[in-house]
């Protein structure tokens, strides 16, 4: 199946971001894709918490989500909307991704489990947990491209999450992201290839790129990695659309060559010697 990845530089205006997403969905469908993948925080990238809070709505009121659902329906294409900032009923925020079908219906959503609280040597400091609540469930969603395991950005560093999704039947692992440039340059390619190899899955990672209106800079390099660990798409740093063919028969082939899932065993807690 042909898929598209949308690499974008989202800003502080949700309406402008929604316009970019609508254009990308139309172009993806015109290019023959049956499903499009977008980055983390597709609808809003704004590190000013007070300003951002004015744009964050509940799921039923979010204008970007509504626009993407309408575009999916209009163009008859599935969308993995990497994530949006969503206000939960309890007032906390969720970093939430959506799987939307070709009728515009939400088939599933996933809230980011692992929150990015780090201090980098560059002086960058991030405290995602100051605004967002961590997700508490994992899932696998049936899609036209195959059973899909969703995750978001910093989740990439926690291999047990992807092992659980592969063991639950995922053939494709989605990793929408907004990686910083220092961490992206150091770890992005190697971690995505590792998740593909250790689970014999395709990994689809749509990313934010460039310098954003709020001043942050993201790494780009949206990737698709096959189950043998080969990079079959690397979009570099420019925003735009990338297309690639996904054949899940390659998952079966990789797992027959090295049956990592069949060989996996429960790991006992190490004792101290």
C-alpha atoms as a PDB file:
ATOM      1  CA  UNK A   1       0.000   0.000   0.000  1.00  0.00           C
ATOM      2  CA  UNK A   2       1.172   3.523  -0.771  1.00  0.00           C
ATOM      3  CA  UNK A   3       1.385   5.868   2.212  1.00  0.00           C
ATOM      4  CA  UNK A   4       2.344   9.518   2.605  1.00  0.00           C
ATOM      5  CA  UNK A   5       4.243  11.297   5.362  1.00  0.00           C
ATOM      6  CA  UNK A   6       3.670  14.978   6.068  1.00  0.00           C
ATOM      7  CA  UNK A   7       6.780  16.738   7.371  1.00  0.00           C
ATOM      8  CA  UNK A   8       5.799  20.176   8.628  1.00  0.00           C
ATOM      9  CA  UNK A   9       6.853  23.225  10.611  1.00  0.00           C
ATOM     10  CA  UNK A  10       3.786  23.795  12.764  1.00  0.00           C
ATOM     11  CA  UNK A  11       3.421  27.211  14.360  1.00  0.00           C
ATOM     12  CA  UNK A  12       1.403  29.025  17.004  1.00  0.00           C
ATOM     13  CA  UNK A  13      -1.731  29.534  14.860  1.00  0.00           C
ATOM     14  CA  UNK A  14      -3.971  26.434  14.789  1.00  0.00           C
ATOM     15  CA  UNK A  15      -5.921  27.738  11.771  1.00  0.00           C
ATOM     16  CA  UNK A  16      -2.737  28.038   9.705  1.00  0.00           C
ATOM     17  CA  UNK A  17      -1.623  24.574  10.796  1.00  0.00           C
ATOM     18  CA  UNK A  18      -5.033  23.155   9.894  1.00  0.00           C
ATOM     19  CA  UNK A  19      -4.680  24.685   6.440  1.00  0.00           C
ATOM     20  CA  UNK A  20      -1.330  22.951   5.931  1.00  0.00           C
ATOM     21  CA  UNK A  21      -2.821  19.640   7.036  1.00  0.00           C
ATOM     22  CA  UNK A  22      -5.810  19.979   4.708  1.00  0.00           C
ATOM     23  CA  UNK A  23      -3.506  20.707   1.768  1.00  0.00           C
ATOM     24  CA  UNK A  24      -1.297  17.734   2.672  1.00  0.00           C
ATOM     25  CA  UNK A  25      -4.268  15.365   2.922  1.00  0.00           C
ATOM     26  CA  UNK A  26      -5.537  16.480  -0.495  1.00  0.00           C
ATOM     27  CA  UNK A  27      -2.077  16.079  -2.048  1.00  0.00           C
ATOM     28  CA  UNK A  28      -1.569  12.681  -0.435  1.00  0.00           C
ATOM     29  CA  UNK A  29      -4.843  11.387  -1.828  1.00  0.00           C
ATOM     30  CA  UNK A  30      -4.051  12.844  -5.266  1.00  0.00           C
ATOM     31  CA  UNK A  31      -0.685  11.080  -5.108  1.00  0.00           C
ATOM     32  CA  UNK A  32      -2.337   7.704  -4.607  1.00  0.00           C
ATOM     33  CA  UNK A  33      -1.764   7.260  -0.881  1.00  0.00           C
ATOM     34  CA  UNK A  34      -4.322   5.287   1.097  1.00  0.00           C
ATOM     35  CA  UNK A  35      -3.111   6.704   4.407  1.00  0.00           C
ATOM     36  CA  UNK A  36      -1.175   9.792   5.520  1.00  0.00           C
ATOM     37  CA  UNK A  37       0.898  10.195   8.690  1.00  0.00           C
ATOM     38  CA  UNK A  38       1.475  13.599  10.346  1.00  0.00           C
ATOM     39  CA  UNK A  39       3.857  14.710  13.133  1.00  0.00           C
ATOM     40  CA  UNK A  40       3.482  15.199  16.851  1.00  0.00           C
ATOM     41  CA  UNK A  41       1.711  18.468  17.722  1.00  0.00           C
ATOM     42  CA  UNK A  42       0.490  18.948  14.166  1.00  0.00           C
ATOM     43  CA  UNK A  43      -2.053  21.546  15.286  1.00  0.00           C
ATOM     44  CA  UNK A  44       0.028  23.730  17.600  1.00  0.00           C
ATOM     45  CA  UNK A  45       3.704  24.139  18.469  1.00  0.00           C
ATOM     46  CA  UNK A  46       3.995  26.810  21.146  1.00  0.00           C
ATOM     47  CA  UNK A  47       6.251  26.663  24.174  1.00  0.00           C
ATOM     48  CA  UNK A  48       4.533  29.745  25.688  1.00  0.00           C
ATOM     49  CA  UNK A  49       2.133  27.881  27.997  1.00  0.00           C
ATOM     50  CA  UNK A  50      -0.133  30.838  28.698  1.00  0.00           C
ATOM     51  CA  UNK A  51      -0.554  31.707  25.021  1.00  0.00           C
ATOM     52  CA  UNK A  52      -0.928  28.054  23.997  1.00  0.00           C
ATOM     53  CA  UNK A  53      -3.608  27.454  26.614  1.00  0.00           C
ATOM     54  CA  UNK A  54      -5.901  29.886  24.819  1.00  0.00           C
ATOM     55  CA  UNK A  55      -5.849  27.651  21.728  1.00  0.00           C
ATOM     56  CA  UNK A  56      -6.266  24.254  23.386  1.00  0.00           C
ATOM     57  CA  UNK A  57      -9.781  22.795  23.364  1.00  0.00           C
ATOM     58  CA  UNK A  58     -11.523  19.577  24.277  1.00  0.00           C
ATOM     59  CA  UNK A  59     -11.648  16.854  21.651  1.00  0.00           C
ATOM     60  CA  UNK A  60     -15.198  17.723  20.593  1.00  0.00           C
ATOM     61  CA  UNK A  61     -14.345  21.394  20.077  1.00  0.00           C
ATOM     62  CA  UNK A  62     -10.882  21.172  18.504  1.00  0.00           C
ATOM     63  CA  UNK A  63     -10.928  22.960  15.145  1.00  0.00           C
ATOM     64  CA  UNK A  64      -7.845  21.203  13.763  1.00  0.00           C
ATOM     65  CA  UNK A  65      -9.268  17.772  14.509  1.00  0.00           C
ATOM     66  CA  UNK A  66     -12.566  18.745  12.887  1.00  0.00           C
ATOM     67  CA  UNK A  67     -10.767  20.045   9.785  1.00  0.00           C
ATOM     68  CA  UNK A  68      -8.676  16.888   9.427  1.00  0.00           C
ATOM     69  CA  UNK A  69     -11.715  14.640   9.831  1.00  0.00           C
ATOM     70  CA  UNK A  70     -13.551  16.616   7.161  1.00  0.00           C
ATOM     71  CA  UNK A  71     -10.585  16.434   4.777  1.00  0.00           C
ATOM     72  CA  UNK A  72     -10.216  12.681   5.337  1.00  0.00           C
ATOM     73  CA  UNK A  73     -13.870  12.220   4.478  1.00  0.00           C
ATOM     74  CA  UNK A  74     -13.734  14.526   1.460  1.00  0.00           C
ATOM     75  CA  UNK A  75     -10.693  12.831  -0.057  1.00  0.00           C
ATOM     76  CA  UNK A  76     -11.392   9.272   1.061  1.00  0.00           C
ATOM     77  CA  UNK A  77      -8.083   8.705   2.858  1.00  0.00           C
ATOM     78  CA  UNK A  78      -7.097   7.409   6.284  1.00  0.00           C
ATOM     79  CA  UNK A  79      -5.111   9.770   8.519  1.00  0.00           C
ATOM     80  CA  UNK A  80      -2.806   9.072  11.420  1.00  0.00           C
ATOM     81  CA  UNK A  81      -2.917  12.528  12.998  1.00  0.00           C
ATOM     82  CA  UNK A  82       0.314  12.280  14.954  1.00  0.00           C
ATOM     83  CA  UNK A  83      -0.885  14.310  17.901  1.00  0.00           C
ATOM     84  CA  UNK A  84      -2.751  17.377  19.076  1.00  0.00           C
ATOM     85  CA  UNK A  85      -2.827  19.141  22.419  1.00  0.00           C
ATOM     86  CA  UNK A  86      -6.262  18.246  23.816  1.00  0.00           C
ATOM     87  CA  UNK A  87      -7.908  19.473  27.019  1.00  0.00           C
ATOM     88  CA  UNK A  88      -9.280  16.558  29.022  1.00  0.00           C
ATOM     89  CA  UNK A  89     -12.558  16.730  30.968  1.00  0.00           C
ATOM     90  CA  UNK A  90     -10.537  16.989  34.208  1.00  0.00           C
ATOM     91  CA  UNK A  91      -8.782  20.116  32.942  1.00  0.00           C
ATOM     92  CA  UNK A  92      -5.397  18.447  32.376  1.00  0.00           C
ATOM     93  CA  UNK A  93      -3.926  18.307  28.885  1.00  0.00           C
ATOM     94  CA  UNK A  94      -3.239  15.230  26.774  1.00  0.00           C
ATOM     95  CA  UNK A  95      -0.724  14.895  23.965  1.00  0.00           C
ATOM     96  CA  UNK A  96      -3.137  12.795  21.871  1.00  0.00           C
ATOM     97  CA  UNK A  97      -2.799  11.055  18.519  1.00  0.00           C
ATOM     98  CA  UNK A  98      -5.747   9.954  16.390  1.00  0.00           C
ATOM     99  CA  UNK A  99      -6.395   7.279  13.789  1.00  0.00           C
ATOM    100  CA  UNK A 100      -9.085   8.612  11.446  1.00  0.00           C
ATOM    101  CA  UNK A 101     -10.663   6.498   8.717  1.00  0.00           C
ATOM    102  CA  UNK A 102     -11.690   7.474   5.189  1.00  0.00           C
ATOM    103  CA  UNK A 103     -15.191   8.458   6.356  1.00  0.00           C
ATOM    104  CA  UNK A 104     -13.736  10.915   8.893  1.00  0.00           C
ATOM    105  CA  UNK A 105     -14.568   8.703  11.878  1.00  0.00           C
ATOM    106  CA  UNK A 106     -12.093   8.441  14.760  1.00  0.00           C
ATOM    107  CA  UNK A 107     -11.153   4.772  14.988  1.00  0.00           C
ATOM    108  CA  UNK A 108      -8.833   5.144  17.975  1.00  0.00           C
ATOM    109  CA  UNK A 109      -6.782   7.616  19.986  1.00  0.00           C
ATOM    110  CA  UNK A 110      -3.567   7.288  21.965  1.00  0.00           C
ATOM    111  CA  UNK A 111      -2.233   9.583  24.706  1.00  0.00           C
ATOM    112  CA  UNK A 112       1.545   9.897  24.977  1.00  0.00           C
ATOM    113  CA  UNK A 113       2.767   7.743  27.860  1.00  0.00           C
ATOM    114  CA  UNK A 114       6.312   8.997  28.374  1.00  0.00           C
ATOM    115  CA  UNK A 115       6.632  12.736  28.975  1.00  0.00           C
ATOM    116  CA  UNK A 116       9.720  14.689  27.942  1.00  0.00           C
ATOM    117  CA  UNK A 117      11.252  16.172  31.107  1.00  0.00           C
ATOM    118  CA  UNK A 118      14.927  16.808  30.339  1.00  0.00           C
ATOM    119  CA  UNK A 119      17.746  19.330  30.631  1.00  0.00           C
ATOM    120  CA  UNK A 120      20.032  19.230  27.598  1.00  0.00           C
ATOM    121  CA  UNK A 121      23.721  20.285  27.472  1.00  0.00           C
ATOM    122  CA  UNK A 122      22.698  23.004  24.983  1.00  0.00           C
ATOM    123  CA  UNK A 123      20.776  24.739  27.770  1.00  0.00           C
ATOM    124  CA  UNK A 124      17.380  23.626  26.488  1.00  0.00           C
ATOM    125  CA  UNK A 125      15.038  22.585  29.299  1.00  0.00           C
ATOM    126  CA  UNK A 126      11.736  20.793  28.745  1.00  0.00           C
ATOM    127  CA  UNK A 127       9.058  19.901  31.299  1.00  0.00           C
ATOM    128  CA  UNK A 128       6.200  18.279  29.410  1.00  0.00           C
ATOM    129  CA  UNK A 129       4.732  16.950  32.653  1.00  0.00           C
ATOM    130  CA  UNK A 130       4.158  20.518  33.861  1.00  0.00           C
ATOM    131  CA  UNK A 131       1.261  20.777  31.407  1.00  0.00           C
ATOM    132  CA  UNK A 132       0.390  17.266  30.257  1.00  0.00           C
ATOM    133  CA  UNK A 133      -0.917  14.122  31.905  1.00  0.00           C
ATOM    134  CA  UNK A 134       0.684  10.839  30.837  1.00  0.00           C
ATOM    135  CA  UNK A 135      -1.379   8.291  28.944  1.00  0.00           C
ATOM    136  CA  UNK A 136      -2.078   4.967  30.591  1.00  0.00           C
ATOM    137  CA  UNK A 137      -2.994   2.568  27.766  1.00  0.00           C
ATOM    138  CA  UNK A 138      -1.526   1.066  24.626  1.00  0.00           C
ATOM    139  CA  UNK A 139      -3.380  -0.275  21.622  1.00  0.00           C
ATOM    140  CA  UNK A 140      -3.170  -1.779  18.153  1.00  0.00           C
ATOM    141  CA  UNK A 141      -5.525  -0.427  15.467  1.00  0.00           C
ATOM    142  CA  UNK A 142      -6.561  -2.222  12.277  1.00  0.00           C
ATOM    143  CA  UNK A 143      -5.864   0.072   9.300  1.00  0.00           C
ATOM    144  CA  UNK A 144      -5.497  -0.398   5.535  1.00  0.00           C
ATOM    145  CA  UNK A 145      -1.725  -0.421   5.910  1.00  0.00           C
ATOM    146  CA  UNK A 146      -1.934  -3.213   8.509  1.00  0.00           C
ATOM    147  CA  UNK A 147      -2.296  -3.488  12.283  1.00  0.00           C
ATOM    148  CA  UNK A 148      -0.840  -0.228  13.602  1.00  0.00           C
ATOM    149  CA  UNK A 149       0.754   0.461  16.975  1.00  0.00           C
ATOM    150  CA  UNK A 150       0.690   4.196  17.802  1.00  0.00           C
ATOM    151  CA  UNK A 151       3.201   6.032  19.961  1.00  0.00           C
ATOM    152  CA  UNK A 152       4.489   9.605  20.233  1.00  0.00           C
ATOM    153  CA  UNK A 153       8.032  11.019  20.147  1.00  0.00           C
ATOM    154  CA  UNK A 154       9.779  10.423  23.522  1.00  0.00           C
ATOM    155  CA  UNK A 155       8.043   7.026  23.718  1.00  0.00           C
ATOM    156  CA  UNK A 156      10.663   5.953  21.163  1.00  0.00           C
ATOM    157  CA  UNK A 157      13.249   5.518  23.934  1.00  0.00           C
ATOM    158  CA  UNK A 158      11.197   2.878  25.760  1.00  0.00           C
ATOM    159  CA  UNK A 159      11.497  -0.359  23.837  1.00  0.00           C
ATOM    160  CA  UNK A 160       9.080  -2.331  26.003  1.00  0.00           C
ATOM    161  CA  UNK A 161       6.181  -0.274  24.615  1.00  0.00           C
ATOM    162  CA  UNK A 162       6.936  -1.376  21.056  1.00  0.00           C
ATOM    163  CA  UNK A 163       7.556  -4.980  22.100  1.00  0.00           C
ATOM    164  CA  UNK A 164       4.096  -5.038  23.692  1.00  0.00           C
ATOM    165  CA  UNK A 165       2.458  -3.676  20.540  1.00  0.00           C
ATOM    166  CA  UNK A 166       4.300  -6.121  18.282  1.00  0.00           C
ATOM    167  CA  UNK A 167       3.296  -9.011  20.524  1.00  0.00           C
ATOM    168  CA  UNK A 168      -0.314  -7.766  20.305  1.00  0.00           C
ATOM    169  CA  UNK A 169      -0.164  -8.058  16.509  1.00  0.00           C
ATOM    170  CA  UNK A 170       1.221  -4.746  15.228  1.00  0.00           C
ATOM    171  CA  UNK A 171       3.001  -4.911  11.868  1.00  0.00           C
ATOM    172  CA  UNK A 172       3.505  -1.137  11.645  1.00  0.00           C
ATOM    173  CA  UNK A 173       4.720   1.122  14.467  1.00  0.00           C
ATOM    174  CA  UNK A 174       3.962   4.855  14.212  1.00  0.00           C
ATOM    175  CA  UNK A 175       6.301   7.371  15.880  1.00  0.00           C
ATOM    176  CA  UNK A 176       5.142  10.936  15.144  1.00  0.00           C
ATOM    177  CA  UNK A 177       7.654  13.322  16.639  1.00  0.00           C
ATOM    178  CA  UNK A 178       9.015  16.794  17.277  1.00  0.00           C
ATOM    179  CA  UNK A 179      12.587  15.801  18.154  1.00  0.00           C
ATOM    180  CA  UNK A 180      15.011  18.535  19.169  1.00  0.00           C
ATOM    181  CA  UNK A 181      17.971  18.964  16.856  1.00  0.00           C
ATOM    182  CA  UNK A 182      20.624  17.775  19.361  1.00  0.00           C
ATOM    183  CA  UNK A 183      18.737  14.618  20.348  1.00  0.00           C
ATOM    184  CA  UNK A 184      17.643  13.987  16.783  1.00  0.00           C
ATOM    185  CA  UNK A 185      21.160  14.153  15.404  1.00  0.00           C
ATOM    186  CA  UNK A 186      22.390  11.797  18.114  1.00  0.00           C
ATOM    187  CA  UNK A 187      19.619   9.224  18.384  1.00  0.00           C
ATOM    188  CA  UNK A 188      16.732   9.531  15.879  1.00  0.00           C
ATOM    189  CA  UNK A 189      17.935   7.190  13.124  1.00  0.00           C
ATOM    190  CA  UNK A 190      19.474   4.571  15.389  1.00  0.00           C
ATOM    191  CA  UNK A 191      16.462   4.298  17.706  1.00  0.00           C
ATOM    192  CA  UNK A 192      13.942   4.043  14.872  1.00  0.00           C
ATOM    193  CA  UNK A 193      16.012   1.351  13.160  1.00  0.00           C
ATOM    194  CA  UNK A 194      16.346  -0.514  16.468  1.00  0.00           C
ATOM    195  CA  UNK A 195      12.577  -0.498  17.064  1.00  0.00           C
ATOM    196  CA  UNK A 196      12.072  -1.885  13.537  1.00  0.00           C
ATOM    197  CA  UNK A 197      14.704  -4.613  13.859  1.00  0.00           C
ATOM    198  CA  UNK A 198      13.873  -5.843  17.351  1.00  0.00           C
ATOM    199  CA  UNK A 199      10.169  -6.209  16.483  1.00  0.00           C
ATOM    200  CA  UNK A 200      10.458  -7.015  12.759  1.00  0.00           C
ATOM    201  CA  UNK A 201       7.958  -4.238  12.028  1.00  0.00           C
ATOM    202  CA  UNK A 202       7.741  -1.277   9.698  1.00  0.00           C
ATOM    203  CA  UNK A 203       8.332   1.987  11.546  1.00  0.00           C
ATOM    204  CA  UNK A 204       6.675   5.142  10.190  1.00  0.00           C
ATOM    205  CA  UNK A 205       7.913   8.361  11.796  1.00  0.00           C
ATOM    206  CA  UNK A 206       6.501  11.696  10.581  1.00  0.00           C
ATOM    207  CA  UNK A 207       8.373  14.611  12.118  1.00  0.00           C
ATOM    208  CA  UNK A 208       8.335  18.320  12.717  1.00  0.00           C
ATOM    209  CA  UNK A 209      11.196  20.208  11.091  1.00  0.00           C
ATOM    210  CA  UNK A 210      12.915  23.587  11.017  1.00  0.00           C
ATOM    211  CA  UNK A 211      12.649  26.702  13.167  1.00  0.00           C
ATOM    212  CA  UNK A 212       9.184  27.305  14.585  1.00  0.00           C
ATOM    213  CA  UNK A 213       7.380  30.536  15.400  1.00  0.00           C
ATOM    214  CA  UNK A 214       7.869  29.949  19.131  1.00  0.00           C
ATOM    215  CA  UNK A 215      11.652  29.800  18.667  1.00  0.00           C
ATOM    216  CA  UNK A 216      12.231  26.084  18.999  1.00  0.00           C
ATOM    217  CA  UNK A 217      14.040  24.070  16.333  1.00  0.00           C
ATOM    218  CA  UNK A 218      13.199  20.501  15.356  1.00  0.00           C
ATOM    219  CA  UNK A 219      15.214  17.855  13.573  1.00  0.00           C
ATOM    220  CA  UNK A 220      13.029  16.711  10.670  1.00  0.00           C
ATOM    221  CA  UNK A 221      14.189  13.562   8.846  1.00  0.00           C
ATOM    222  CA  UNK A 222      10.795  11.866   8.735  1.00  0.00           C
ATOM    223  CA  UNK A 223      11.650   8.203   8.230  1.00  0.00           C
ATOM    224  CA  UNK A 224      10.164   4.933   7.150  1.00  0.00           C
ATOM    225  CA  UNK A 225      12.168   1.881   8.180  1.00  0.00           C
ATOM    226  CA  UNK A 226      11.415  -1.628   6.939  1.00  0.00           C
ATOM    227  CA  UNK A 227      11.318  -4.739   9.182  1.00  0.00           C
ATOM    228  CA  UNK A 228      14.932  -5.581   8.311  1.00  0.00           C
ATOM    229  CA  UNK A 229      16.092  -2.168   9.524  1.00  0.00           C
ATOM    230  CA  UNK A 230      16.599  -0.598   6.107  1.00  0.00           C
ATOM    231  CA  UNK A 231      15.643   3.068   5.739  1.00  0.00           C
ATOM    232  CA  UNK A 232      13.324   3.260   2.744  1.00  0.00           C
ATOM    233  CA  UNK A 233      12.433   6.952   3.142  1.00  0.00           C
ATOM    234  CA  UNK A 234      14.345   9.836   4.731  1.00  0.00           C
ATOM    235  CA  UNK A 235      12.792  13.234   4.050  1.00  0.00           C
ATOM    236  CA  UNK A 236      15.744  15.320   5.196  1.00  0.00           C
ATOM    237  CA  UNK A 237      14.990  18.766   6.603  1.00  0.00           C
ATOM    238  CA  UNK A 238      12.579  20.392   4.147  1.00  0.00           C
ATOM    239  CA  UNK A 239       8.846  20.427   4.902  1.00  0.00           C
ATOM    240  CA  UNK A 240       6.623  18.607   2.442  1.00  0.00           C
ATOM    241  CA  UNK A 241       5.183  15.228   1.526  1.00  0.00           C
ATOM    242  CA  UNK A 242       6.979  11.929   1.085  1.00  0.00           C
ATOM    243  CA  UNK A 243       5.540   8.760  -0.437  1.00  0.00           C
ATOM    244  CA  UNK A 244       6.536   5.142   0.038  1.00  0.00           C
ATOM    245  CA  UNK A 245       5.109   1.664  -0.532  1.00  0.00           C
ATOM    246  CA  UNK A 246       4.411  -0.548   2.488  1.00  0.00           C
ATOM    247  CA  UNK A 247       4.159  -4.308   1.879  1.00  0.00           C
ATOM    248  CA  UNK A 248       3.447  -6.165   5.113  1.00  0.00           C
ATOM    249  CA  UNK A 249       4.601  -9.403   3.450  1.00  0.00           C
ATOM    250  CA  UNK A 250       8.050  -8.067   4.367  1.00  0.00           C
ATOM    251  CA  UNK A 251       7.065  -8.366   8.030  1.00  0.00           C
ATOM    252  CA  UNK A 252       6.332 -12.066   7.544  1.00  0.00           C
ATOM    253  CA  UNK A 253       9.614 -12.476   5.659  1.00  0.00           C
ATOM    254  CA  UNK A 254      11.688 -10.758   8.361  1.00  0.00           C
ATOM    255  CA  UNK A 255      10.059 -12.757  11.148  1.00  0.00           C
ATOM    256  CA  UNK A 256      10.633 -16.004   9.279  1.00  0.00           C
ATOM    257  CA  UNK A 257      14.325 -15.195   8.868  1.00  0.00           C
ATOM    258  CA  UNK A 258      14.823 -14.247  12.533  1.00  0.00           C
ATOM    259  CA  UNK A 259      11.731 -15.146  14.605  1.00  0.00           C
ATOM    260  CA  UNK A 260      12.310 -12.594  17.341  1.00  0.00           C
ATOM    261  CA  UNK A 261       8.702 -12.564  18.548  1.00  0.00           C
ATOM    262  CA  UNK A 262       8.530 -16.352  18.815  1.00  0.00           C
ATOM    263  CA  UNK A 263      11.805 -16.426  20.755  1.00  0.00           C
ATOM    264  CA  UNK A 264      10.892 -13.684  23.230  1.00  0.00           C
ATOM    265  CA  UNK A 265      10.661 -14.842  26.853  1.00  0.00           C
ATOM    266  CA  UNK A 266       9.546 -13.109  30.053  1.00  0.00           C
ATOM    267  CA  UNK A 267      12.534 -11.419  31.666  1.00  0.00           C
ATOM    268  CA  UNK A 268      12.855 -12.058  35.398  1.00  0.00           C
ATOM    269  CA  UNK A 269      13.874  -9.185  37.630  1.00  0.00           C
ATOM    270  CA  UNK A 270      17.680  -9.304  38.039  1.00  0.00           C
ATOM    271  CA  UNK A 271      19.033 -10.355  41.377  1.00  0.00           C
ATOM    272  CA  UNK A 272      21.968  -8.520  42.941  1.00  0.00           C
ATOM    273  CA  UNK A 273      25.125 -10.559  43.355  1.00  0.00           C
END
